[in-house]
Amino acid sequence: MEVGSAILGSAIWGLTFIFIKPLVGLAPAADVAFWRYFVSGCALLMFWFMKTGKFNFDIRDIKLLLITSALGVFLYQVLCNIGVTMINGSHAGIINGLVPVITVALERIVRKKKISSLKKLSLGLSLVGILFIAQSGSSAKATGFNWGYILTLTGVTLWVIYSFITESLLEKYKGVELIGYQSVIGALMVIPYNIITEQRIISFDIFYTSEGVINLLLAALLSAGIGYGLYIRGVEKLGVSTMAFLLNIMPISALIAGYFILGEAITINSIIGLGFILVSVYLVLMDSKKPKQIKQKKRKKLAIAN
């Protein structure tokens, strides 16, 4: 059940670009990020209050909430949005595909956690798959090294750090309520950013067309709300490392949705890349089942002994 909902969350989250693409033509990227997360955050908090009748907010957690909101919502969005405008699109895709690698590396360094052989193999296969997909999705020529690489890699790394810190907050808050707080706080951080960089606050251009409103609601409620909510639930149940690998489902749903909704072509490279990614996800799922199988065997032995 946990694995199924985690895969579904990653797939839904992968549809983000379908809804964001029309929005960035209507408003600046920072404003799109603000409205997307502000609407989803308010909706999640309203849903939580209607369900429970209370909020569990503790002022003592404000420091961690500010840090996670800045890392996982505000800085990640801003750095990656700026970085992608400075480098080749395929290179940006490869960097974003490094989430499992960075996650496993941090777990190894910070938590001294060993990397299983299956996860090592899965890392290699997922990287090969992402490389195939990224190359098939861009015809632009490489632009050489510039700050775009650093900004994009920094944004992705900060997002992984956000996932680790959020894991500790999930011991106290349920995913829906926690994401609600982080989304609203992260969205509000866009306002001082706009004031400093562009001497303005937030535009309402998205709301001037029905296309803008519809895509905003889909991006906020479906992608950032349900998709992100299921991801956080996966972190809570399966851990950051396993969920990092399951995020490889995102390019699969994105490619399929792009084909059916936007009419974008699926190339041979894309199909090959999808194959590598599916195998890598399967290996991680098998690896995550091992501890449960070991526990079940121990329980059976104890039951027989008794």
C-alpha atoms as a PDB file:
ATOM      1  CA  MET A   1       0.000   0.000   0.000  1.00  0.00           C
ATOM      2  CA  GLU A   2       2.770   2.454   0.991  1.00  0.00           C
ATOM      3  CA  VAL A   3       4.804   1.652  -2.131  1.00  0.00           C
ATOM      4  CA  GLY A   4       1.777   2.024  -4.400  1.00  0.00           C
ATOM      5  CA  SER A   5       0.830   5.438  -3.013  1.00  0.00           C
ATOM      6  CA  ALA A   6       4.479   6.560  -3.186  1.00  0.00           C
ATOM      7  CA  ILE A   7       4.721   5.570  -6.866  1.00  0.00           C
ATOM      8  CA  LEU A   8       1.381   7.287  -7.562  1.00  0.00           C
ATOM      9  CA  GLY A   9       2.607  10.446  -5.824  1.00  0.00           C
ATOM     10  CA  SER A  10       5.810  10.502  -7.895  1.00  0.00           C
ATOM     11  CA  ALA A  11       3.804   9.950 -11.098  1.00  0.00           C
ATOM     12  CA  ILE A  12       1.393  12.791 -10.283  1.00  0.00           C
ATOM     13  CA  TRP A  13       4.253  15.069  -9.303  1.00  0.00           C
ATOM     14  CA  GLY A  14       5.823  14.301 -12.679  1.00  0.00           C
ATOM     15  CA  LEU A  15       2.872  16.011 -14.384  1.00  0.00           C
ATOM     16  CA  THR A  16       3.978  19.365 -12.965  1.00  0.00           C
ATOM     17  CA  PHE A  17       5.566  20.624 -16.194  1.00  0.00           C
ATOM     18  CA  ILE A  18       2.316  19.997 -18.104  1.00  0.00           C
ATOM     19  CA  PHE A  19       0.555  22.588 -15.933  1.00  0.00           C
ATOM     20  CA  ILE A  20       3.493  24.941 -15.367  1.00  0.00           C
ATOM     21  CA  LYS A  21       4.407  25.299 -19.048  1.00  0.00           C
ATOM     22  CA  PRO A  22       1.364  27.483 -19.943  1.00  0.00           C
ATOM     23  CA  LEU A  23       1.743  29.500 -16.718  1.00  0.00           C
ATOM     24  CA  VAL A  24       5.309  30.688 -17.307  1.00  0.00           C
ATOM     25  CA  GLY A  25       4.056  32.335 -20.489  1.00  0.00           C
ATOM     26  CA  LEU A  26       1.543  34.333 -18.449  1.00  0.00           C
ATOM     27  CA  ALA A  27       3.622  35.408 -15.446  1.00  0.00           C
ATOM     28  CA  PRO A  28       7.252  35.455 -14.193  1.00  0.00           C
ATOM     29  CA  ALA A  29       8.586  32.148 -12.856  1.00  0.00           C
ATOM     30  CA  ALA A  30       8.804  33.450  -9.282  1.00  0.00           C
ATOM     31  CA  ASP A  31       5.149  34.507  -9.352  1.00  0.00           C
ATOM     32  CA  VAL A  32       4.138  31.109 -10.714  1.00  0.00           C
ATOM     33  CA  ALA A  33       5.982  29.462  -7.802  1.00  0.00           C
ATOM     34  CA  PHE A  34       4.263  31.817  -5.331  1.00  0.00           C
ATOM     35  CA  TRP A  35       0.716  31.153  -6.513  1.00  0.00           C
ATOM     36  CA  ARG A  36       1.285  27.433  -6.968  1.00  0.00           C
ATOM     37  CA  TYR A  37       2.506  26.877  -3.414  1.00  0.00           C
ATOM     38  CA  PHE A  38       0.329  29.501  -1.739  1.00  0.00           C
ATOM     39  CA  VAL A  39      -2.865  28.006  -3.200  1.00  0.00           C
ATOM     40  CA  SER A  40      -1.809  24.410  -2.481  1.00  0.00           C
ATOM     41  CA  GLY A  41      -0.675  25.290   1.054  1.00  0.00           C
ATOM     42  CA  CYS A  42      -3.926  27.053   1.932  1.00  0.00           C
ATOM     43  CA  ALA A  43      -5.969  24.191   0.440  1.00  0.00           C
ATOM     44  CA  LEU A  44      -4.030  21.568   2.416  1.00  0.00           C
ATOM     45  CA  LEU A  45      -4.410  23.490   5.682  1.00  0.00           C
ATOM     46  CA  MET A  46      -8.148  23.957   5.078  1.00  0.00           C
ATOM     47  CA  PHE A  47      -8.496  20.236   4.357  1.00  0.00           C
ATOM     48  CA  TRP A  48      -6.563  19.386   7.516  1.00  0.00           C
ATOM     49  CA  PHE A  49      -8.685  21.683   9.691  1.00  0.00           C
ATOM     50  CA  MET A  50     -11.947  20.342   8.234  1.00  0.00           C
ATOM     51  CA  LYS A  51     -10.745  16.806   8.928  1.00  0.00           C
ATOM     52  CA  THR A  52      -9.346  17.283  12.445  1.00  0.00           C
ATOM     53  CA  GLY A  53     -10.800  20.570  13.676  1.00  0.00           C
ATOM     54  CA  LYS A  54      -7.422  21.771  14.951  1.00  0.00           C
ATOM     55  CA  PHE A  55      -3.858  22.697  14.041  1.00  0.00           C
ATOM     56  CA  ASN A  56      -0.857  21.134  15.782  1.00  0.00           C
ATOM     57  CA  PHE A  57       1.461  24.053  15.073  1.00  0.00           C
ATOM     58  CA  ASP A  58       4.111  24.482  17.758  1.00  0.00           C
ATOM     59  CA  ILE A  59       6.017  27.774  17.844  1.00  0.00           C
ATOM     60  CA  ARG A  60       9.087  25.836  18.994  1.00  0.00           C
ATOM     61  CA  ASP A  61       9.243  24.272  15.513  1.00  0.00           C
ATOM     62  CA  ILE A  62       9.255  27.608  13.675  1.00  0.00           C
ATOM     63  CA  LYS A  63      13.033  27.446  13.084  1.00  0.00           C
ATOM     64  CA  LEU A  64      12.852  24.050  11.347  1.00  0.00           C
ATOM     65  CA  LEU A  65       9.742  25.086   9.425  1.00  0.00           C
ATOM     66  CA  LEU A  66      11.478  28.226   8.146  1.00  0.00           C
ATOM     67  CA  ILE A  67      14.578  26.241   7.165  1.00  0.00           C
ATOM     68  CA  THR A  68      12.654  23.489   5.346  1.00  0.00           C
ATOM     69  CA  SER A  69      10.365  25.982   3.615  1.00  0.00           C
ATOM     70  CA  ALA A  70      13.363  27.974   2.418  1.00  0.00           C
ATOM     71  CA  LEU A  71      15.242  24.883   1.230  1.00  0.00           C
ATOM     72  CA  GLY A  72      12.494  22.729  -0.300  1.00  0.00           C
ATOM     73  CA  VAL A  73      10.107  25.352  -1.650  1.00  0.00           C
ATOM     74  CA  PHE A  74      11.744  28.755  -2.117  1.00  0.00           C
ATOM     75  CA  LEU A  75      15.481  28.226  -2.796  1.00  0.00           C
ATOM     76  CA  TYR A  76      15.026  25.004  -4.747  1.00  0.00           C
ATOM     77  CA  GLN A  77      12.511  26.643  -7.088  1.00  0.00           C
ATOM     78  CA  VAL A  78      14.458  29.883  -7.560  1.00  0.00           C
ATOM     79  CA  LEU A  79      17.906  28.304  -8.061  1.00  0.00           C
ATOM     80  CA  CYS A  80      16.684  25.642 -10.482  1.00  0.00           C
ATOM     81  CA  ASN A  81      14.529  28.092 -12.457  1.00  0.00           C
ATOM     82  CA  ILE A  82      17.474  30.459 -12.890  1.00  0.00           C
ATOM     83  CA  GLY A  83      19.943  27.641 -13.543  1.00  0.00           C
ATOM     84  CA  VAL A  84      17.883  26.066 -16.308  1.00  0.00           C
ATOM     85  CA  THR A  85      17.881  29.353 -18.232  1.00  0.00           C
ATOM     86  CA  MET A  86      21.700  29.343 -18.281  1.00  0.00           C
ATOM     87  CA  ILE A  87      22.536  25.779 -19.353  1.00  0.00           C
ATOM     88  CA  ASN A  88      21.542  23.162 -21.903  1.00  0.00           C
ATOM     89  CA  GLY A  89      18.178  21.578 -21.096  1.00  0.00           C
ATOM     90  CA  SER A  90      19.553  18.044 -21.300  1.00  0.00           C
ATOM     91  CA  HIS A  91      22.283  18.901 -18.803  1.00  0.00           C
ATOM     92  CA  ALA A  92      19.693  20.327 -16.408  1.00  0.00           C
ATOM     93  CA  GLY A  93      17.725  17.088 -16.712  1.00  0.00           C
ATOM     94  CA  ILE A  94      20.799  15.056 -15.819  1.00  0.00           C
ATOM     95  CA  ILE A  95      21.530  17.222 -12.766  1.00  0.00           C
ATOM     96  CA  ASN A  96      17.937  16.890 -11.500  1.00  0.00           C
ATOM     97  CA  GLY A  97      18.269  13.152 -12.009  1.00  0.00           C
ATOM     98  CA  LEU A  98      21.094  13.110  -9.459  1.00  0.00           C
ATOM     99  CA  VAL A  99      18.627  13.180  -6.524  1.00  0.00           C
ATOM    100  CA  PRO A 100      19.120   9.450  -5.710  1.00  0.00           C
ATOM    101  CA  VAL A 101      22.903   9.797  -5.957  1.00  0.00           C
ATOM    102  CA  ILE A 102      23.032  12.849  -3.658  1.00  0.00           C
ATOM    103  CA  THR A 103      20.590  11.218  -1.232  1.00  0.00           C
ATOM    104  CA  VAL A 104      22.574   7.992  -0.957  1.00  0.00           C
ATOM    105  CA  ALA A 105      25.839   9.956  -0.644  1.00  0.00           C
ATOM    106  CA  LEU A 106      24.463  12.078   2.224  1.00  0.00           C
ATOM    107  CA  GLU A 107      23.094   8.993   3.973  1.00  0.00           C
ATOM    108  CA  ARG A 108      26.517   7.388   3.672  1.00  0.00           C
ATOM    109  CA  ILE A 109      28.369  10.476   4.951  1.00  0.00           C
ATOM    110  CA  VAL A 110      25.961  11.784   7.607  1.00  0.00           C
ATOM    111  CA  ARG A 111      24.205   8.622   8.780  1.00  0.00           C
ATOM    112  CA  LYS A 112      27.040   6.184   8.016  1.00  0.00           C
ATOM    113  CA  LYS A 113      24.479   4.016   6.215  1.00  0.00           C
ATOM    114  CA  LYS A 114      25.782   1.226   4.001  1.00  0.00           C
ATOM    115  CA  ILE A 115      24.732   1.097   0.364  1.00  0.00           C
ATOM    116  CA  SER A 116      23.415  -2.282  -0.759  1.00  0.00           C
ATOM    117  CA  SER A 117      24.576  -3.874  -4.006  1.00  0.00           C
ATOM    118  CA  LEU A 118      21.072  -3.573  -5.471  1.00  0.00           C
ATOM    119  CA  LYS A 119      20.970   0.165  -4.745  1.00  0.00           C
ATOM    120  CA  LYS A 120      24.381   0.652  -6.322  1.00  0.00           C
ATOM    121  CA  LEU A 121      23.189  -1.135  -9.447  1.00  0.00           C
ATOM    122  CA  SER A 122      19.943   0.850  -9.382  1.00  0.00           C
ATOM    123  CA  LEU A 123      21.906   4.116  -9.173  1.00  0.00           C
ATOM    124  CA  GLY A 124      23.847   3.235 -12.290  1.00  0.00           C
ATOM    125  CA  LEU A 125      20.778   2.167 -14.259  1.00  0.00           C
ATOM    126  CA  SER A 126      18.755   5.238 -13.272  1.00  0.00           C
ATOM    127  CA  LEU A 127      21.581   7.576 -14.300  1.00  0.00           C
ATOM    128  CA  VAL A 128      21.878   5.837 -17.682  1.00  0.00           C
ATOM    129  CA  GLY A 129      18.108   6.087 -18.145  1.00  0.00           C
ATOM    130  CA  ILE A 130      17.992   9.782 -17.248  1.00  0.00           C
ATOM    131  CA  LEU A 131      20.896  10.425 -19.637  1.00  0.00           C
ATOM    132  CA  PHE A 132      18.970   8.816 -22.503  1.00  0.00           C
ATOM    133  CA  ILE A 133      15.771  10.764 -21.707  1.00  0.00           C
ATOM    134  CA  ALA A 134      17.572  14.086 -21.256  1.00  0.00           C
ATOM    135  CA  GLN A 135      19.430  13.738 -24.552  1.00  0.00           C
ATOM    136  CA  SER A 136      16.198  12.880 -26.366  1.00  0.00           C
ATOM    137  CA  GLY A 137      14.441  15.932 -24.956  1.00  0.00           C
ATOM    138  CA  SER A 138      16.845  18.610 -26.112  1.00  0.00           C
ATOM    139  CA  SER A 139      18.305  19.585 -29.442  1.00  0.00           C
ATOM    140  CA  ALA A 140      20.244  22.528 -28.064  1.00  0.00           C
ATOM    141  CA  LYS A 141      24.023  22.574 -28.278  1.00  0.00           C
ATOM    142  CA  ALA A 142      26.077  22.414 -25.136  1.00  0.00           C
ATOM    143  CA  THR A 143      26.945  25.856 -23.860  1.00  0.00           C
ATOM    144  CA  GLY A 144      30.027  24.976 -21.834  1.00  0.00           C
ATOM    145  CA  PHE A 145      30.527  25.484 -18.120  1.00  0.00           C
ATOM    146  CA  ASN A 146      28.813  28.383 -16.439  1.00  0.00           C
ATOM    147  CA  TRP A 147      27.097  29.228 -13.170  1.00  0.00           C
ATOM    148  CA  GLY A 148      23.910  27.499 -14.319  1.00  0.00           C
ATOM    149  CA  TYR A 149      25.435  24.130 -13.445  1.00  0.00           C
ATOM    150  CA  ILE A 150      26.352  25.286  -9.949  1.00  0.00           C
ATOM    151  CA  LEU A 151      22.943  26.884  -9.317  1.00  0.00           C
ATOM    152  CA  THR A 152      20.980  23.852 -10.521  1.00  0.00           C
ATOM    153  CA  LEU A 153      23.126  21.361  -8.608  1.00  0.00           C
ATOM    154  CA  THR A 154      22.918  23.544  -5.487  1.00  0.00           C
ATOM    155  CA  GLY A 155      19.126  23.697  -5.767  1.00  0.00           C
ATOM    156  CA  VAL A 156      18.823  19.915  -6.110  1.00  0.00           C
ATOM    157  CA  THR A 157      21.207  19.359  -3.178  1.00  0.00           C
ATOM    158  CA  LEU A 158      19.229  21.758  -0.988  1.00  0.00           C
ATOM    159  CA  TRP A 159      16.052  19.868  -1.864  1.00  0.00           C
ATOM    160  CA  VAL A 160      17.636  16.588  -0.732  1.00  0.00           C
ATOM    161  CA  ILE A 161      18.736  18.228   2.540  1.00  0.00           C
ATOM    162  CA  TYR A 162      15.158  19.483   2.922  1.00  0.00           C
ATOM    163  CA  SER A 163      13.919  15.887   2.634  1.00  0.00           C
ATOM    164  CA  PHE A 164      16.237  14.741   5.425  1.00  0.00           C
ATOM    165  CA  ILE A 165      15.170  17.547   7.787  1.00  0.00           C
ATOM    166  CA  THR A 166      11.500  17.058   6.932  1.00  0.00           C
ATOM    167  CA  GLU A 167      11.830  13.398   7.900  1.00  0.00           C
ATOM    168  CA  SER A 168      12.469  14.496  11.505  1.00  0.00           C
ATOM    169  CA  LEU A 169       9.446  16.834  11.485  1.00  0.00           C
ATOM    170  CA  LEU A 170       7.233  13.948  10.381  1.00  0.00           C
ATOM    171  CA  GLU A 171       7.709  12.448  13.833  1.00  0.00           C
ATOM    172  CA  LYS A 172       5.498  15.252  15.145  1.00  0.00           C
ATOM    173  CA  TYR A 173       3.333  16.415  12.217  1.00  0.00           C
ATOM    174  CA  LYS A 174       1.228  14.549   9.689  1.00  0.00           C
ATOM    175  CA  GLY A 175       2.284  15.069   6.082  1.00  0.00           C
ATOM    176  CA  VAL A 176      -0.743  17.124   4.970  1.00  0.00           C
ATOM    177  CA  GLU A 177      -0.420  19.669   7.769  1.00  0.00           C
ATOM    178  CA  LEU A 178       3.370  19.886   7.461  1.00  0.00           C
ATOM    179  CA  ILE A 179       3.329  20.475   3.702  1.00  0.00           C
ATOM    180  CA  GLY A 180       0.633  23.094   4.204  1.00  0.00           C
ATOM    181  CA  TYR A 181       2.859  25.097   6.542  1.00  0.00           C
ATOM    182  CA  GLN A 182       5.956  24.680   4.358  1.00  0.00           C
ATOM    183  CA  SER A 183       4.114  25.631   1.159  1.00  0.00           C
ATOM    184  CA  VAL A 184       2.609  28.839   2.570  1.00  0.00           C
ATOM    185  CA  ILE A 185       5.836  29.931   4.263  1.00  0.00           C
ATOM    186  CA  GLY A 186       7.931  29.125   1.188  1.00  0.00           C
ATOM    187  CA  ALA A 187       5.508  30.994  -1.080  1.00  0.00           C
ATOM    188  CA  LEU A 188       5.607  34.098   1.119  1.00  0.00           C
ATOM    189  CA  MET A 189       9.402  34.140   0.796  1.00  0.00           C
ATOM    190  CA  VAL A 190       8.927  35.011  -2.886  1.00  0.00           C
ATOM    191  CA  ILE A 191       7.574  38.460  -1.920  1.00  0.00           C
ATOM    192  CA  PRO A 192      10.813  39.866  -0.398  1.00  0.00           C
ATOM    193  CA  TYR A 193      12.740  38.191  -3.242  1.00  0.00           C
ATOM    194  CA  ASN A 194      10.634  40.067  -5.820  1.00  0.00           C
ATOM    195  CA  ILE A 195      10.936  43.340  -3.926  1.00  0.00           C
ATOM    196  CA  ILE A 196      14.732  43.065  -3.768  1.00  0.00           C
ATOM    197  CA  THR A 197      15.344  41.792  -7.310  1.00  0.00           C
ATOM    198  CA  GLU A 198      12.547  43.407  -9.327  1.00  0.00           C
ATOM    199  CA  GLN A 199      11.140  46.178  -7.094  1.00  0.00           C
ATOM    200  CA  ARG A 200       7.631  44.704  -7.200  1.00  0.00           C
ATOM    201  CA  ILE A 201       5.476  42.332  -5.156  1.00  0.00           C
ATOM    202  CA  ILE A 202       3.326  39.721  -6.962  1.00  0.00           C
ATOM    203  CA  SER A 203       1.436  39.945 -10.247  1.00  0.00           C
ATOM    204  CA  PHE A 204      -2.090  38.594 -10.794  1.00  0.00           C
ATOM    205  CA  ASP A 205      -1.613  37.939 -14.519  1.00  0.00           C
ATOM    206  CA  ILE A 206      -2.321  34.221 -14.094  1.00  0.00           C
ATOM    207  CA  PHE A 207      -5.908  34.959 -13.111  1.00  0.00           C
ATOM    208  CA  TYR A 208      -6.752  36.999 -16.223  1.00  0.00           C
ATOM    209  CA  THR A 209      -7.442  33.925 -18.389  1.00  0.00           C
ATOM    210  CA  SER A 210      -9.351  30.693 -17.830  1.00  0.00           C
ATOM    211  CA  GLU A 211      -6.288  28.771 -19.070  1.00  0.00           C
ATOM    212  CA  GLY A 212      -4.200  30.350 -16.328  1.00  0.00           C
ATOM    213  CA  VAL A 213      -6.714  29.591 -13.576  1.00  0.00           C
ATOM    214  CA  ILE A 214      -7.253  25.974 -14.673  1.00  0.00           C
ATOM    215  CA  ASN A 215      -3.543  25.193 -14.970  1.00  0.00           C
ATOM    216  CA  LEU A 216      -2.805  26.930 -11.681  1.00  0.00           C
ATOM    217  CA  LEU A 217      -5.416  24.840  -9.868  1.00  0.00           C
ATOM    218  CA  LEU A 218      -4.055  21.655 -11.444  1.00  0.00           C
ATOM    219  CA  ALA A 219      -0.465  22.573 -10.584  1.00  0.00           C
ATOM    220  CA  ALA A 220      -1.380  23.580  -7.033  1.00  0.00           C
ATOM    221  CA  LEU A 221      -4.000  21.018  -6.015  1.00  0.00           C
ATOM    222  CA  LEU A 222      -3.063  17.960  -8.070  1.00  0.00           C
ATOM    223  CA  SER A 223       0.708  18.253  -8.478  1.00  0.00           C
ATOM    224  CA  ALA A 224       1.915  20.263  -5.464  1.00  0.00           C
ATOM    225  CA  GLY A 225      -0.966  19.135  -3.235  1.00  0.00           C
ATOM    226  CA  ILE A 226      -1.789  15.463  -3.831  1.00  0.00           C
ATOM    227  CA  GLY A 227       1.467  14.490  -5.567  1.00  0.00           C
ATOM    228  CA  TYR A 228       3.730  16.160  -2.994  1.00  0.00           C
ATOM    229  CA  GLY A 229       1.519  14.929  -0.157  1.00  0.00           C
ATOM    230  CA  LEU A 230       1.882  11.311  -1.261  1.00  0.00           C
ATOM    231  CA  TYR A 231       5.638  11.841  -1.625  1.00  0.00           C
ATOM    232  CA  ILE A 232       5.940  13.080   1.974  1.00  0.00           C
ATOM    233  CA  ARG A 233       3.808  10.144   3.120  1.00  0.00           C
ATOM    234  CA  GLY A 234       6.261   7.895   1.289  1.00  0.00           C
ATOM    235  CA  VAL A 235       9.184   9.530   3.105  1.00  0.00           C
ATOM    236  CA  GLU A 236       7.379   8.893   6.386  1.00  0.00           C
ATOM    237  CA  LYS A 237       6.700   5.207   5.618  1.00  0.00           C
ATOM    238  CA  LEU A 238       9.621   4.174   3.392  1.00  0.00           C
ATOM    239  CA  GLY A 239      12.397   6.649   4.213  1.00  0.00           C
ATOM    240  CA  VAL A 240      14.184   9.334   2.197  1.00  0.00           C
ATOM    241  CA  SER A 241      16.520   6.953   0.366  1.00  0.00           C
ATOM    242  CA  THR A 242      13.832   4.684  -1.102  1.00  0.00           C
ATOM    243  CA  MET A 243      11.636   7.647  -2.074  1.00  0.00           C
ATOM    244  CA  ALA A 244      14.566   9.309  -3.834  1.00  0.00           C
ATOM    245  CA  PHE A 245      14.750   6.322  -6.176  1.00  0.00           C
ATOM    246  CA  LEU A 246      10.975   6.204  -6.667  1.00  0.00           C
ATOM    247  CA  LEU A 247      11.133   9.801  -7.919  1.00  0.00           C
ATOM    248  CA  ASN A 248      12.545   8.263 -11.104  1.00  0.00           C
ATOM    249  CA  ILE A 249       8.905   7.579 -11.955  1.00  0.00           C
ATOM    250  CA  MET A 250       8.512  11.332 -12.604  1.00  0.00           C
ATOM    251  CA  PRO A 251      10.143  11.491 -16.063  1.00  0.00           C
ATOM    252  CA  ILE A 252       8.060   8.493 -17.141  1.00  0.00           C
ATOM    253  CA  SER A 253       4.728  10.145 -16.317  1.00  0.00           C
ATOM    254  CA  ALA A 254       6.016  13.439 -17.735  1.00  0.00           C
ATOM    255  CA  LEU A 255       6.934  11.864 -21.083  1.00  0.00           C
ATOM    256  CA  ILE A 256       3.638   9.997 -21.368  1.00  0.00           C
ATOM    257  CA  ALA A 257       1.592  13.080 -20.436  1.00  0.00           C
ATOM    258  CA  GLY A 258       3.636  15.200 -22.833  1.00  0.00           C
ATOM    259  CA  TYR A 259       2.833  12.793 -25.649  1.00  0.00           C
ATOM    260  CA  PHE A 260      -0.925  12.624 -25.036  1.00  0.00           C
ATOM    261  CA  ILE A 261      -1.604  16.180 -23.806  1.00  0.00           C
ATOM    262  CA  LEU A 262       1.031  18.353 -25.505  1.00  0.00           C
ATOM    263  CA  GLY A 263       1.627  16.176 -28.564  1.00  0.00           C
ATOM    264  CA  GLU A 264       5.358  15.892 -27.888  1.00  0.00           C
ATOM    265  CA  ALA A 265       7.180  13.008 -29.569  1.00  0.00           C
ATOM    266  CA  ILE A 266       8.555  10.019 -27.662  1.00  0.00           C
ATOM    267  CA  THR A 267      11.874   9.039 -29.226  1.00  0.00           C
ATOM    268  CA  ILE A 268      13.770   5.748 -29.228  1.00  0.00           C
ATOM    269  CA  ASN A 269      16.150   7.239 -26.671  1.00  0.00           C
ATOM    270  CA  SER A 270      13.179   8.032 -24.425  1.00  0.00           C
ATOM    271  CA  ILE A 271      11.906   4.459 -24.619  1.00  0.00           C
ATOM    272  CA  ILE A 272      15.366   3.053 -23.839  1.00  0.00           C
ATOM    273  CA  GLY A 273      15.690   5.492 -20.926  1.00  0.00           C
ATOM    274  CA  LEU A 274      12.282   4.478 -19.574  1.00  0.00           C
ATOM    275  CA  GLY A 275      13.369   0.835 -19.657  1.00  0.00           C
ATOM    276  CA  PHE A 276      16.495   1.551 -17.593  1.00  0.00           C
ATOM    277  CA  ILE A 277      14.502   3.600 -15.071  1.00  0.00           C
ATOM    278  CA  LEU A 278      11.786   0.967 -14.654  1.00  0.00           C
ATOM    279  CA  VAL A 279      14.416  -1.691 -13.955  1.00  0.00           C
ATOM    280  CA  SER A 280      16.168   0.610 -11.451  1.00  0.00           C
ATOM    281  CA  VAL A 281      12.885   1.278  -9.600  1.00  0.00           C
ATOM    282  CA  TYR A 282      12.120  -2.461  -9.542  1.00  0.00           C
ATOM    283  CA  LEU A 283      15.532  -3.193  -7.993  1.00  0.00           C
ATOM    284  CA  VAL A 284      14.985  -0.610  -5.256  1.00  0.00           C
ATOM    285  CA  LEU A 285      11.555  -2.052  -4.457  1.00  0.00           C
ATOM    286  CA  MET A 286      13.120  -5.498  -4.162  1.00  0.00           C
ATOM    287  CA  ASP A 287      15.839  -4.076  -1.933  1.00  0.00           C
ATOM    288  CA  SER A 288      13.290  -2.338   0.319  1.00  0.00           C
ATOM    289  CA  LYS A 289      11.422  -5.617   0.813  1.00  0.00           C
ATOM    290  CA  LYS A 290      14.489  -7.429   2.155  1.00  0.00           C
ATOM    291  CA  PRO A 291      14.318  -6.070   5.747  1.00  0.00           C
ATOM    292  CA  LYS A 292      10.616  -6.969   5.940  1.00  0.00           C
ATOM    293  CA  GLN A 293      11.286 -10.482   4.645  1.00  0.00           C
ATOM    294  CA  ILE A 294      14.088 -10.944   7.185  1.00  0.00           C
ATOM    295  CA  LYS A 295      11.795  -9.806  10.012  1.00  0.00           C
ATOM    296  CA  GLN A 296       9.053 -12.154   8.859  1.00  0.00           C
ATOM    297  CA  LYS A 297      11.473 -15.103   8.816  1.00  0.00           C
ATOM    298  CA  LYS A 298      12.645 -14.257  12.341  1.00  0.00           C
ATOM    299  CA  ARG A 299       9.049 -14.088  13.556  1.00  0.00           C
ATOM    300  CA  LYS A 300       8.304 -17.487  11.999  1.00  0.00           C
ATOM    301  CA  LYS A 301      11.365 -19.013  13.661  1.00  0.00           C
ATOM    302  CA  LEU A 302      10.358 -17.557  17.020  1.00  0.00           C
ATOM    303  CA  ALA A 303       6.797 -18.828  16.574  1.00  0.00           C
ATOM    304  CA  ILE A 304       8.076 -22.336  15.753  1.00  0.00           C
ATOM    305  CA  ALA A 305      10.501 -22.277  18.686  1.00  0.00           C
ATOM    306  CA  ASN A 306       7.707 -21.303  21.074  1.00  0.00           C
END
